[in-house]
Amino acid sequence: MKKIALLITAVSFSTVLKAQQLFTKNQQEVQQTVVKMFEALSKRDSVSLKAHCAAGISLYEYGQVWNIDTLINKTISMNTAADFKRSNTFDFISTETDKNTAWVTYRLSSVITKENKETVIQWLETVVLSRHKKVWKVKHLHSTLLKRS
């Protein structure tokens, strides 16, 4: 009986360990750039948002091609609700880097509150980043809407 319990514990523990992905310091820096870009959106801070984006950023959202001005207009300028709040949760699927380019794929879940209404939105996104003077910046973002509730 003890052997069976030990076997079940060992199998359970190995499954948990396998599910956790370890990322290098460089991969974590890339991921933090993405997180900080979305924090800027959450704070409606266009200056910080631009600081995390490369010149000529392109975003592929809802079947449309956006630039930084479109992003700012749709997520900051037009978003004037006094009770606005956005929190983001990331599940990083893969992060690859080379010297000056990185590719990140993740699931993003955002809880957005405005005008006393809470909406949960889930996306699957891929981001390409480029390194400028040792700083990672988002160059392209492709977003697929998974669920809105």
N, C-alpha and C. Protein backbone atom coordinates (compact mmCIF):
# COMPACT_ATOMS: atom_id res chain seq x y z
N MET A 1 0.82 -1.19 0.00
CA MET A 1 0.00 0.00 0.00
C MET A 1 0.87 1.26 0.00
N LYS A 2 1.95 1.25 0.78
CA LYS A 2 2.85 2.40 0.84
C LYS A 2 3.50 2.64 -0.51
N LYS A 3 3.81 1.56 -1.23
CA LYS A 3 4.45 1.69 -2.55
C LYS A 3 3.50 2.36 -3.54
N ILE A 4 2.24 2.01 -3.48
CA ILE A 4 1.25 2.61 -4.38
C ILE A 4 1.09 4.09 -4.07
N ALA A 5 1.00 4.44 -2.79
CA ALA A 5 0.88 5.86 -2.40
C ALA A 5 2.11 6.64 -2.84
N LEU A 6 3.29 6.04 -2.68
CA LEU A 6 4.53 6.70 -3.09
C LEU A 6 4.57 6.88 -4.59
N LEU A 7 4.13 5.89 -5.34
CA LEU A 7 4.10 5.96 -6.80
C LEU A 7 3.15 7.07 -7.27
N ILE A 8 1.97 7.12 -6.67
CA ILE A 8 0.99 8.16 -7.02
C ILE A 8 1.56 9.55 -6.72
N THR A 9 2.20 9.70 -5.58
CA THR A 9 2.81 10.98 -5.21
C THR A 9 3.90 11.36 -6.20
N ALA A 10 4.76 10.41 -6.55
CA ALA A 10 5.86 10.68 -7.49
C ALA A 10 5.34 11.07 -8.86
N VAL A 11 4.33 10.39 -9.36
CA VAL A 11 3.75 10.71 -10.67
C VAL A 11 3.11 12.10 -10.62
N SER A 12 2.37 12.39 -9.57
CA SER A 12 1.74 13.71 -9.43
C SER A 12 2.78 14.81 -9.38
N PHE A 13 3.84 14.60 -8.61
CA PHE A 13 4.89 15.60 -8.48
C PHE A 13 5.61 15.83 -9.80
N SER A 14 5.89 14.77 -10.55
CA SER A 14 6.60 14.92 -11.83
C SER A 14 5.74 15.65 -12.84
N THR A 15 4.42 15.46 -12.80
CA THR A 15 3.52 16.17 -13.70
C THR A 15 3.54 17.66 -13.40
N VAL A 16 3.54 18.04 -12.12
CA VAL A 16 3.58 19.44 -11.74
C VAL A 16 4.89 20.07 -12.20
N LEU A 17 5.98 19.39 -11.98
CA LEU A 17 7.29 19.92 -12.39
C LEU A 17 7.39 20.08 -13.90
N LYS A 18 6.85 19.14 -14.64
CA LYS A 18 6.90 19.20 -16.09
C LYS A 18 6.09 20.38 -16.62
N ALA A 19 5.00 20.73 -15.95
CA ALA A 19 4.13 21.81 -16.40
C ALA A 19 4.76 23.18 -16.21
N GLN A 20 5.70 23.29 -15.28
CA GLN A 20 6.35 24.58 -15.04
C GLN A 20 7.51 24.73 -16.00
N GLN A 21 7.49 25.83 -16.76
CA GLN A 21 8.53 26.07 -17.74
C GLN A 21 9.52 27.08 -17.15
N LEU A 22 10.79 26.77 -17.24
CA LEU A 22 11.81 27.68 -16.75
C LEU A 22 12.29 28.55 -17.89
N PHE A 23 12.35 29.84 -17.66
CA PHE A 23 12.79 30.77 -18.67
C PHE A 23 14.12 31.38 -18.26
N THR A 24 14.96 31.66 -19.25
CA THR A 24 16.25 32.29 -18.98
C THR A 24 16.03 33.75 -18.58
N LYS A 25 17.08 34.36 -18.08
CA LYS A 25 17.00 35.78 -17.70
C LYS A 25 16.61 36.64 -18.90
N ASN A 26 17.20 36.36 -20.07
CA ASN A 26 16.89 37.12 -21.27
C ASN A 26 15.43 36.92 -21.68
N GLN A 27 14.93 35.70 -21.60
CA GLN A 27 13.53 35.44 -21.93
C GLN A 27 12.60 36.16 -20.96
N GLN A 28 12.97 36.19 -19.69
CA GLN A 28 12.16 36.91 -18.69
C GLN A 28 12.16 38.41 -18.96
N GLU A 29 13.28 38.96 -19.42
CA GLU A 29 13.33 40.39 -19.77
C GLU A 29 12.37 40.69 -20.91
N VAL A 30 12.35 39.80 -21.89
CA VAL A 30 11.44 39.96 -23.03
C VAL A 30 9.99 39.92 -22.54
N GLN A 31 9.68 38.94 -21.71
CA GLN A 31 8.32 38.82 -21.17
C GLN A 31 7.93 40.04 -20.37
N GLN A 32 8.86 40.58 -19.59
CA GLN A 32 8.57 41.76 -18.78
C GLN A 32 8.27 42.98 -19.66
N THR A 33 8.88 43.05 -20.82
CA THR A 33 8.56 44.15 -21.74
C THR A 33 7.10 44.07 -22.15
N VAL A 34 6.63 42.88 -22.46
CA VAL A 34 5.22 42.69 -22.82
C VAL A 34 4.32 43.04 -21.64
N VAL A 35 4.65 42.56 -20.46
CA VAL A 35 3.86 42.85 -19.26
C VAL A 35 3.80 44.36 -19.02
N LYS A 36 4.94 45.03 -19.13
CA LYS A 36 4.98 46.48 -18.88
C LYS A 36 4.19 47.25 -19.92
N MET A 37 4.18 46.78 -21.17
CA MET A 37 3.39 47.44 -22.19
C MET A 37 1.91 47.38 -21.81
N PHE A 38 1.45 46.22 -21.33
CA PHE A 38 0.05 46.09 -20.93
C PHE A 38 -0.24 46.83 -19.63
N GLU A 39 0.74 46.96 -18.74
CA GLU A 39 0.55 47.78 -17.55
C GLU A 39 0.32 49.24 -17.95
N ALA A 40 1.04 49.70 -18.97
CA ALA A 40 0.85 51.07 -19.46
C ALA A 40 -0.57 51.23 -20.01
N LEU A 41 -1.07 50.22 -20.73
CA LEU A 41 -2.45 50.28 -21.22
C LEU A 41 -3.42 50.33 -20.04
N SER A 42 -3.15 49.53 -19.03
CA SER A 42 -4.02 49.49 -17.85
C SER A 42 -4.05 50.83 -17.13
N LYS A 43 -2.92 51.51 -17.10
CA LYS A 43 -2.82 52.81 -16.43
C LYS A 43 -3.21 53.96 -17.36
N ARG A 44 -3.51 53.64 -18.60
CA ARG A 44 -3.84 54.64 -19.64
C ARG A 44 -2.70 55.66 -19.77
N ASP A 45 -1.49 55.14 -19.80
CA ASP A 45 -0.27 55.95 -19.84
C ASP A 45 0.38 55.84 -21.23
N SER A 46 0.06 56.77 -22.11
CA SER A 46 0.56 56.70 -23.49
C SER A 46 2.08 56.91 -23.57
N VAL A 47 2.66 57.68 -22.65
CA VAL A 47 4.10 57.91 -22.67
C VAL A 47 4.85 56.61 -22.36
N SER A 48 4.41 55.91 -21.31
CA SER A 48 5.02 54.63 -20.96
C SER A 48 4.76 53.58 -22.04
N LEU A 49 3.57 53.61 -22.59
CA LEU A 49 3.23 52.68 -23.67
C LEU A 49 4.20 52.83 -24.83
N LYS A 50 4.42 54.06 -25.26
CA LYS A 50 5.36 54.32 -26.37
C LYS A 50 6.78 53.89 -26.02
N ALA A 51 7.15 54.01 -24.76
CA ALA A 51 8.50 53.64 -24.34
C ALA A 51 8.75 52.14 -24.49
N HIS A 52 7.70 51.33 -24.47
CA HIS A 52 7.84 49.88 -24.60
C HIS A 52 7.60 49.38 -26.02
N CYS A 53 7.33 50.32 -26.93
CA CYS A 53 7.05 49.97 -28.32
C CYS A 53 8.13 50.50 -29.25
N ALA A 54 8.44 49.72 -30.26
CA ALA A 54 9.41 50.14 -31.27
C ALA A 54 8.75 51.14 -32.21
N ALA A 55 9.58 51.95 -32.84
CA ALA A 55 9.06 52.87 -33.86
C ALA A 55 8.42 52.03 -34.96
N GLY A 56 7.28 52.44 -35.43
CA GLY A 56 6.60 51.73 -36.50
C GLY A 56 5.93 50.44 -36.06
N ILE A 57 5.59 50.34 -34.78
CA ILE A 57 4.90 49.14 -34.28
C ILE A 57 3.65 48.88 -35.10
N SER A 58 3.38 47.59 -35.35
CA SER A 58 2.13 47.21 -36.01
C SER A 58 1.41 46.21 -35.12
N LEU A 59 0.11 46.39 -35.03
CA LEU A 59 -0.73 45.53 -34.20
C LEU A 59 -1.85 44.99 -35.08
N TYR A 60 -2.11 43.71 -34.97
CA TYR A 60 -3.14 43.05 -35.76
C TYR A 60 -4.24 42.64 -34.79
N GLU A 61 -5.28 43.47 -34.76
CA GLU A 61 -6.37 43.32 -33.78
C GLU A 61 -7.71 43.25 -34.50
N TYR A 62 -8.50 42.25 -34.15
CA TYR A 62 -9.88 42.14 -34.64
C TYR A 62 -9.96 42.26 -36.16
N GLY A 63 -9.00 41.67 -36.87
CA GLY A 63 -8.99 41.70 -38.33
C GLY A 63 -8.55 43.03 -38.92
N GLN A 64 -8.02 43.90 -38.10
CA GLN A 64 -7.57 45.22 -38.56
C GLN A 64 -6.07 45.38 -38.28
N VAL A 65 -5.45 46.29 -39.00
CA VAL A 65 -4.05 46.63 -38.77
C VAL A 65 -4.02 47.98 -38.06
N TRP A 66 -3.42 48.01 -36.88
CA TRP A 66 -3.33 49.23 -36.09
C TRP A 66 -1.88 49.68 -36.01
N ASN A 67 -1.70 50.99 -35.79
CA ASN A 67 -0.38 51.53 -35.43
C ASN A 67 -0.47 52.06 -34.00
N ILE A 68 0.57 52.68 -33.52
CA ILE A 68 0.57 53.16 -32.13
C ILE A 68 -0.53 54.20 -31.90
N ASP A 69 -0.79 55.04 -32.89
CA ASP A 69 -1.84 56.05 -32.74
C ASP A 69 -3.22 55.41 -32.61
N THR A 70 -3.47 54.36 -33.39
CA THR A 70 -4.74 53.65 -33.30
C THR A 70 -4.89 53.02 -31.92
N LEU A 71 -3.81 52.38 -31.44
CA LEU A 71 -3.85 51.75 -30.13
C LEU A 71 -4.15 52.77 -29.03
N ILE A 72 -3.46 53.89 -29.07
CA ILE A 72 -3.68 54.93 -28.06
C ILE A 72 -5.11 55.47 -28.16
N ASN A 73 -5.58 55.70 -29.36
CA ASN A 73 -6.93 56.23 -29.53
C ASN A 73 -7.98 55.27 -28.99
N LYS A 74 -7.87 53.99 -29.33
CA LYS A 74 -8.90 53.01 -28.94
C LYS A 74 -8.81 52.60 -27.47
N THR A 75 -7.61 52.59 -26.90
CA THR A 75 -7.47 52.07 -25.54
C THR A 75 -7.26 53.16 -24.48
N ILE A 76 -6.88 54.34 -24.91
CA ILE A 76 -6.61 55.40 -23.92
C ILE A 76 -7.51 56.62 -24.17
N SER A 77 -7.40 57.23 -25.34
CA SER A 77 -8.14 58.47 -25.62
C SER A 77 -9.65 58.29 -25.54
N MET A 78 -10.16 57.20 -26.11
CA MET A 78 -11.60 56.97 -26.12
C MET A 78 -12.08 56.33 -24.82
N ASN A 79 -11.17 55.98 -23.96
CA ASN A 79 -11.50 55.27 -22.72
C ASN A 79 -11.45 56.26 -21.56
N THR A 80 -12.54 56.93 -21.31
CA THR A 80 -12.55 58.00 -20.31
C THR A 80 -13.37 57.67 -19.07
N ALA A 81 -13.81 56.43 -18.93
CA ALA A 81 -14.62 56.05 -17.76
C ALA A 81 -13.84 56.31 -16.48
N ALA A 82 -14.45 57.01 -15.55
CA ALA A 82 -13.78 57.36 -14.29
C ALA A 82 -13.45 56.13 -13.45
N ASP A 83 -14.26 55.08 -13.56
CA ASP A 83 -14.04 53.88 -12.75
C ASP A 83 -13.24 52.81 -13.49
N PHE A 84 -12.56 53.18 -14.58
CA PHE A 84 -11.82 52.21 -15.38
C PHE A 84 -10.75 51.51 -14.56
N LYS A 85 -10.72 50.19 -14.71
CA LYS A 85 -9.68 49.39 -14.08
C LYS A 85 -9.44 48.19 -14.99
N ARG A 86 -8.17 47.84 -15.18
CA ARG A 86 -7.83 46.68 -16.00
C ARG A 86 -6.71 45.92 -15.31
N SER A 87 -6.90 44.61 -15.15
CA SER A 87 -5.83 43.75 -14.64
C SER A 87 -5.58 42.66 -15.66
N ASN A 88 -4.31 42.31 -15.84
CA ASN A 88 -3.89 41.37 -16.87
C ASN A 88 -3.19 40.18 -16.24
N THR A 89 -3.49 39.00 -16.77
CA THR A 89 -2.82 37.78 -16.34
C THR A 89 -2.25 37.10 -17.59
N PHE A 90 -0.97 36.75 -17.52
CA PHE A 90 -0.28 36.15 -18.65
C PHE A 90 0.06 34.70 -18.37
N ASP A 91 -0.10 33.88 -19.39
CA ASP A 91 0.37 32.50 -19.38
C ASP A 91 1.31 32.37 -20.57
N PHE A 92 2.61 32.50 -20.32
CA PHE A 92 3.58 32.47 -21.40
C PHE A 92 3.75 31.04 -21.91
N ILE A 93 3.53 30.86 -23.19
CA ILE A 93 3.61 29.55 -23.82
C ILE A 93 5.02 29.30 -24.33
N SER A 94 5.56 30.26 -25.07
CA SER A 94 6.93 30.12 -25.56
C SER A 94 7.57 31.49 -25.69
N THR A 95 8.87 31.51 -25.47
CA THR A 95 9.65 32.74 -25.61
C THR A 95 10.99 32.34 -26.21
N GLU A 96 11.27 32.87 -27.39
CA GLU A 96 12.53 32.58 -28.07
C GLU A 96 13.25 33.89 -28.34
N THR A 97 14.55 33.85 -28.18
CA THR A 97 15.34 35.07 -28.42
C THR A 97 16.57 34.74 -29.23
N ASP A 98 17.02 35.72 -29.99
CA ASP A 98 18.36 35.69 -30.54
C ASP A 98 18.97 37.04 -30.21
N LYS A 99 19.99 37.43 -30.88
CA LYS A 99 20.71 38.65 -30.49
C LYS A 99 19.81 39.90 -30.42
N ASN A 100 19.03 40.16 -31.46
CA ASN A 100 18.24 41.39 -31.52
C ASN A 100 16.76 41.20 -31.79
N THR A 101 16.28 39.95 -31.79
CA THR A 101 14.87 39.68 -32.06
C THR A 101 14.37 38.64 -31.06
N ALA A 102 13.12 38.81 -30.66
CA ALA A 102 12.49 37.83 -29.77
C ALA A 102 11.07 37.58 -30.24
N TRP A 103 10.58 36.36 -29.96
CA TRP A 103 9.24 35.95 -30.31
C TRP A 103 8.58 35.40 -29.05
N VAL A 104 7.41 35.88 -28.74
CA VAL A 104 6.72 35.46 -27.53
C VAL A 104 5.28 35.10 -27.88
N THR A 105 4.83 33.96 -27.38
CA THR A 105 3.43 33.57 -27.52
C THR A 105 2.88 33.34 -26.12
N TYR A 106 1.69 33.84 -25.88
CA TYR A 106 1.10 33.76 -24.54
C TYR A 106 -0.42 33.84 -24.63
N ARG A 107 -1.04 33.41 -23.56
CA ARG A 107 -2.47 33.64 -23.38
C ARG A 107 -2.59 34.84 -22.44
N LEU A 108 -3.46 35.75 -22.80
CA LEU A 108 -3.71 36.93 -21.98
C LEU A 108 -5.16 36.93 -21.54
N SER A 109 -5.36 37.10 -20.25
CA SER A 109 -6.70 37.25 -19.71
C SER A 109 -6.75 38.61 -19.02
N SER A 110 -7.69 39.44 -19.43
CA SER A 110 -7.83 40.77 -18.84
C SER A 110 -9.22 40.92 -18.25
N VAL A 111 -9.23 41.45 -17.04
CA VAL A 111 -10.49 41.80 -16.39
C VAL A 111 -10.58 43.32 -16.47
N ILE A 112 -11.60 43.79 -17.17
CA ILE A 112 -11.76 45.22 -17.41
C ILE A 112 -13.06 45.69 -16.77
N THR A 113 -12.94 46.71 -15.93
CA THR A 113 -14.11 47.29 -15.29
C THR A 113 -14.25 48.72 -15.76
N LYS A 114 -15.42 49.07 -16.25
CA LYS A 114 -15.74 50.46 -16.57
C LYS A 114 -17.24 50.62 -16.58
N GLU A 115 -17.66 51.78 -16.13
CA GLU A 115 -19.08 52.10 -16.01
C GLU A 115 -19.82 51.02 -15.23
N ASN A 116 -19.20 50.58 -14.12
CA ASN A 116 -19.76 49.58 -13.20
C ASN A 116 -20.02 48.23 -13.85
N LYS A 117 -19.34 47.94 -14.95
CA LYS A 117 -19.51 46.66 -15.64
C LYS A 117 -18.16 45.98 -15.77
N GLU A 118 -18.11 44.70 -15.38
CA GLU A 118 -16.87 43.94 -15.48
C GLU A 118 -16.93 43.00 -16.68
N THR A 119 -15.87 43.03 -17.48
CA THR A 119 -15.76 42.17 -18.65
C THR A 119 -14.45 41.40 -18.56
N VAL A 120 -14.51 40.12 -18.85
CA VAL A 120 -13.30 39.29 -18.91
C VAL A 120 -13.06 38.96 -20.38
N ILE A 121 -11.86 39.26 -20.84
CA ILE A 121 -11.51 39.00 -22.24
C ILE A 121 -10.26 38.14 -22.26
N GLN A 122 -10.28 37.13 -23.12
CA GLN A 122 -9.13 36.25 -23.26
C GLN A 122 -8.65 36.27 -24.70
N TRP A 123 -7.32 36.36 -24.85
CA TRP A 123 -6.70 36.37 -26.16
C TRP A 123 -5.57 35.35 -26.22
N LEU A 124 -5.22 34.96 -27.41
CA LEU A 124 -3.99 34.25 -27.70
C LEU A 124 -3.18 35.22 -28.55
N GLU A 125 -1.97 35.54 -28.10
CA GLU A 125 -1.20 36.58 -28.79
C GLU A 125 0.23 36.13 -29.07
N THR A 126 0.74 36.66 -30.16
CA THR A 126 2.15 36.48 -30.51
C THR A 126 2.74 37.87 -30.71
N VAL A 127 3.90 38.07 -30.10
CA VAL A 127 4.59 39.35 -30.18
C VAL A 127 6.00 39.13 -30.71
N VAL A 128 6.42 40.02 -31.58
CA VAL A 128 7.80 40.06 -32.04
C VAL A 128 8.41 41.31 -31.45
N LEU A 129 9.55 41.16 -30.79
CA LEU A 129 10.24 42.30 -30.19
C LEU A 129 11.59 42.48 -30.86
N SER A 130 12.07 43.70 -30.84
CA SER A 130 13.42 43.99 -31.33
C SER A 130 14.18 44.70 -30.23
N ARG A 131 15.48 44.51 -30.25
CA ARG A 131 16.32 45.12 -29.23
C ARG A 131 16.93 46.41 -29.80
N HIS A 132 16.76 47.50 -29.05
CA HIS A 132 17.31 48.80 -29.41
C HIS A 132 18.15 49.28 -28.24
N LYS A 133 19.44 49.43 -28.46
CA LYS A 133 20.36 49.89 -27.40
C LYS A 133 20.17 49.07 -26.12
N LYS A 134 20.16 47.75 -26.26
CA LYS A 134 20.05 46.80 -25.16
C LYS A 134 18.69 46.81 -24.45
N VAL A 135 17.68 47.42 -25.07
CA VAL A 135 16.33 47.46 -24.50
C VAL A 135 15.36 46.79 -25.47
N TRP A 136 14.57 45.85 -24.96
CA TRP A 136 13.58 45.18 -25.79
C TRP A 136 12.36 46.07 -25.99
N LYS A 137 11.84 46.09 -27.24
CA LYS A 137 10.64 46.87 -27.56
C LYS A 137 9.73 46.04 -28.45
N VAL A 138 8.43 46.20 -28.26
CA VAL A 138 7.45 45.47 -29.05
C VAL A 138 7.39 46.06 -30.45
N LYS A 139 7.59 45.20 -31.45
CA LYS A 139 7.60 45.63 -32.85
C LYS A 139 6.30 45.24 -33.56
N HIS A 140 5.84 44.02 -33.32
CA HIS A 140 4.60 43.51 -33.92
C HIS A 140 3.82 42.75 -32.86
N LEU A 141 2.51 42.88 -32.89
CA LEU A 141 1.65 42.12 -31.99
C LEU A 141 0.46 41.61 -32.79
N HIS A 142 0.26 40.30 -32.76
CA HIS A 142 -0.91 39.69 -33.40
C HIS A 142 -1.78 39.08 -32.32
N SER A 143 -3.05 39.46 -32.32
CA SER A 143 -3.96 39.06 -31.26
C SER A 143 -5.16 38.31 -31.84
N THR A 144 -5.48 37.19 -31.21
CA THR A 144 -6.68 36.44 -31.58
C THR A 144 -7.60 36.41 -30.37
N LEU A 145 -8.79 36.93 -30.53
CA LEU A 145 -9.78 36.93 -29.45
C LEU A 145 -10.27 35.49 -29.26
N LEU A 146 -10.18 35.01 -28.00
CA LEU A 146 -10.66 33.67 -27.69
C LEU A 146 -12.03 33.70 -27.05
N LYS A 147 -12.23 34.63 -26.12
CA LYS A 147 -13.50 34.66 -25.38
C LYS A 147 -13.73 36.03 -24.75
N ARG A 148 -14.96 36.47 -24.76
CA ARG A 148 -15.36 37.71 -24.11
C ARG A 148 -16.61 37.41 -23.30
N SER A 149 -16.56 37.78 -22.00
CA SER A 149 -17.76 37.53 -21.18
C SER A 149 -18.05 38.72 -20.31
